[in-house]
Amino acid sequence: MATGSPIEQLRAWLRRFEESPYKGAILATIVIHLLNLADAVFTMHWIENGEAYEFNPLMNFAFELGSYGFLFTKIAIVLICLSIFWWKIKHRLARIGAYVLMVVYAIIVSLHLTYFLKPDLHVGKWLSNVPIPIEQVED
């Protein structure tokens, strides 16, 4: 059990963090959690406004349970995956996987931000302007 004031405990944790050979991976997991939360919020915004559909069947089911069910499921799935990562943090492949996941989430959130800040770039509007050939149906 840790003793001392909360400030002393924080300083001790920061010293351990600075000495850790895995500090990059630790920061990556923190960033992944933040990006996952941002992705969830943007996804809920798009779905609730009818501008998107959740293609992942599990997440679509969770969304049908409500916003809190969606958030809980999304955070829980990523938390389980990152727990497995922490379990195997000494393995190089696990750390590389965390960095790759962080980059993927960064790209996804960047797309969300782009569509949110520039609605005229929204992919739905691009697709609505694409001519779709309709076959002639004989009666």
Protein backbone atom coordinates (compact mmCIF):
# COMPACT_ATOMS: atom_id res chain seq x y z
CA MET A 1 0.00 0.00 0.00
CA ALA A 2 1.37 3.41 -0.93
CA THR A 3 2.09 5.87 1.83
CA GLY A 4 2.63 9.59 1.77
CA SER A 5 0.68 12.45 0.35
CA PRO A 6 -0.98 12.20 -3.04
CA ILE A 7 1.70 14.54 -4.45
CA GLU A 8 4.46 12.23 -3.23
CA GLN A 9 2.66 9.23 -4.71
CA LEU A 10 2.33 11.04 -8.04
CA ARG A 11 6.03 11.93 -8.04
CA ALA A 12 6.94 8.30 -7.28
CA TRP A 13 4.74 7.09 -10.13
CA LEU A 14 6.29 9.63 -12.52
CA ARG A 15 9.80 8.49 -11.53
CA ARG A 16 8.85 4.87 -12.23
CA PHE A 17 7.28 5.93 -15.52
CA GLU A 18 10.43 7.82 -16.59
CA GLU A 19 12.58 4.78 -15.82
CA SER A 20 10.29 2.35 -17.64
CA PRO A 21 11.56 0.92 -20.93
CA TYR A 22 7.91 0.77 -22.03
CA LYS A 23 6.93 4.43 -21.58
CA GLY A 24 6.17 4.83 -25.29
CA ALA A 25 3.80 1.88 -25.14
CA ILE A 26 2.21 3.24 -21.97
CA LEU A 27 1.58 6.60 -23.67
CA ALA A 28 0.21 4.77 -26.72
CA THR A 29 -2.41 3.01 -24.59
CA ILE A 30 -3.48 6.31 -23.02
CA VAL A 31 -3.80 7.87 -26.49
CA ILE A 32 -5.74 4.80 -27.72
CA HIS A 33 -8.25 5.21 -24.89
CA LEU A 34 -8.74 8.91 -25.71
CA LEU A 35 -9.05 8.27 -29.45
CA ASN A 36 -11.48 5.40 -28.82
CA LEU A 37 -13.67 7.71 -26.77
CA ALA A 38 -13.54 10.38 -29.50
CA ASP A 39 -14.42 7.75 -32.13
CA ALA A 40 -17.39 6.63 -30.03
CA VAL A 41 -18.70 10.17 -29.61
CA PHE A 42 -18.37 10.98 -33.31
CA THR A 43 -19.92 7.65 -34.33
CA MET A 44 -22.90 8.27 -32.06
CA HIS A 45 -23.27 11.76 -33.56
CA TRP A 46 -23.31 10.43 -37.13
CA ILE A 47 -25.70 7.57 -36.38
CA GLU A 48 -28.11 9.67 -34.31
CA ASN A 49 -28.28 12.27 -37.09
CA GLY A 50 -28.91 9.60 -39.73
CA GLU A 51 -25.64 10.32 -41.53
CA ALA A 52 -24.06 6.92 -40.94
CA TYR A 53 -24.82 3.31 -40.16
CA GLU A 54 -22.81 1.06 -37.86
CA PHE A 55 -21.65 -1.87 -39.99
CA ASN A 56 -20.16 -3.82 -37.07
CA PRO A 57 -23.05 -6.09 -35.98
CA LEU A 58 -21.97 -6.16 -32.32
CA MET A 59 -21.68 -2.39 -32.11
CA ASN A 60 -24.92 -1.94 -34.06
CA PHE A 61 -26.68 -4.16 -31.49
CA ALA A 62 -25.05 -2.15 -28.68
CA PHE A 63 -26.26 1.08 -30.30
CA GLU A 64 -29.80 -0.27 -30.40
CA LEU A 65 -29.54 -0.66 -26.61
CA GLY A 66 -28.92 3.07 -26.36
CA SER A 67 -26.04 5.51 -26.17
CA TYR A 68 -24.80 4.23 -22.83
CA GLY A 69 -24.86 0.63 -24.05
CA PHE A 70 -22.89 1.65 -27.12
CA LEU A 71 -20.31 3.58 -25.08
CA PHE A 72 -19.96 0.80 -22.51
CA THR A 73 -19.50 -1.88 -25.18
CA LYS A 74 -17.00 0.15 -27.20
CA ILE A 75 -14.91 1.07 -24.17
CA ALA A 76 -15.09 -2.48 -22.75
CA ILE A 77 -13.90 -4.11 -25.99
CA VAL A 78 -10.91 -1.79 -26.31
CA LEU A 79 -10.16 -2.16 -22.60
CA ILE A 80 -10.11 -5.96 -22.94
CA CYS A 81 -7.78 -5.74 -25.95
CA LEU A 82 -5.46 -3.33 -24.16
CA SER A 83 -5.47 -5.58 -21.08
CA ILE A 84 -4.16 -8.39 -23.25
CA PHE A 85 -1.55 -5.95 -24.57
CA TRP A 86 -0.49 -5.08 -21.00
CA TRP A 87 -0.24 -8.77 -20.18
CA LYS A 88 2.22 -9.17 -23.06
CA ILE A 89 3.91 -5.73 -22.92
CA LYS A 90 7.39 -7.27 -22.84
CA HIS A 91 6.82 -8.77 -26.29
CA ARG A 92 7.85 -6.51 -29.11
CA LEU A 93 4.92 -7.60 -31.29
CA ALA A 94 2.44 -6.45 -28.62
CA ARG A 95 4.05 -3.01 -28.46
CA ILE A 96 4.08 -2.73 -32.26
CA GLY A 97 0.40 -3.72 -32.27
CA ALA A 98 -0.38 -0.91 -29.82
CA TYR A 99 1.44 1.63 -32.00
CA VAL A 100 -0.39 0.40 -35.11
CA LEU A 101 -3.75 0.56 -33.30
CA MET A 102 -2.95 4.10 -32.18
CA VAL A 103 -2.21 5.16 -35.77
CA VAL A 104 -5.40 3.50 -37.05
CA TYR A 105 -7.49 5.27 -34.41
CA ALA A 106 -5.73 8.56 -35.19
CA ILE A 107 -6.69 8.18 -38.87
CA ILE A 108 -10.30 7.32 -37.97
CA VAL A 109 -10.64 10.29 -35.63
CA SER A 110 -8.98 12.54 -38.23
CA LEU A 111 -11.64 11.48 -40.75
CA HIS A 112 -14.37 12.15 -38.19
CA LEU A 113 -12.94 15.62 -37.54
CA THR A 114 -12.63 16.33 -41.25
CA TYR A 115 -16.26 15.39 -41.92
CA PHE A 116 -17.43 17.25 -38.82
CA LEU A 117 -15.57 20.48 -39.63
CA LYS A 118 -16.16 20.33 -43.40
CA PRO A 119 -19.61 18.82 -43.94
CA ASP A 120 -19.33 19.34 -47.71
CA LEU A 121 -16.61 16.67 -47.72
CA HIS A 122 -18.86 14.07 -46.11
CA VAL A 123 -18.61 10.77 -47.93
CA GLY A 124 -22.40 10.43 -48.07
CA LYS A 125 -22.58 13.55 -50.20
CA TRP A 126 -19.85 12.21 -52.48
CA LEU A 127 -21.77 8.99 -52.96
CA SER A 128 -25.06 10.80 -53.58
CA ASN A 129 -23.47 12.54 -56.58
CA VAL A 130 -22.15 9.34 -58.14
CA PRO A 131 -24.33 8.24 -61.02
CA ILE A 132 -25.52 4.69 -60.49
CA PRO A 133 -26.41 2.81 -63.67
CA ILE A 134 -29.91 1.41 -63.55
CA GLU A 135 -30.67 -1.60 -65.67
CA GLN A 136 -33.71 -1.41 -67.86
CA VAL A 137 -36.38 -3.69 -66.51
CA GLU A 138 -38.95 -4.95 -68.95
CA ASP A 139 -42.52 -5.32 -67.75
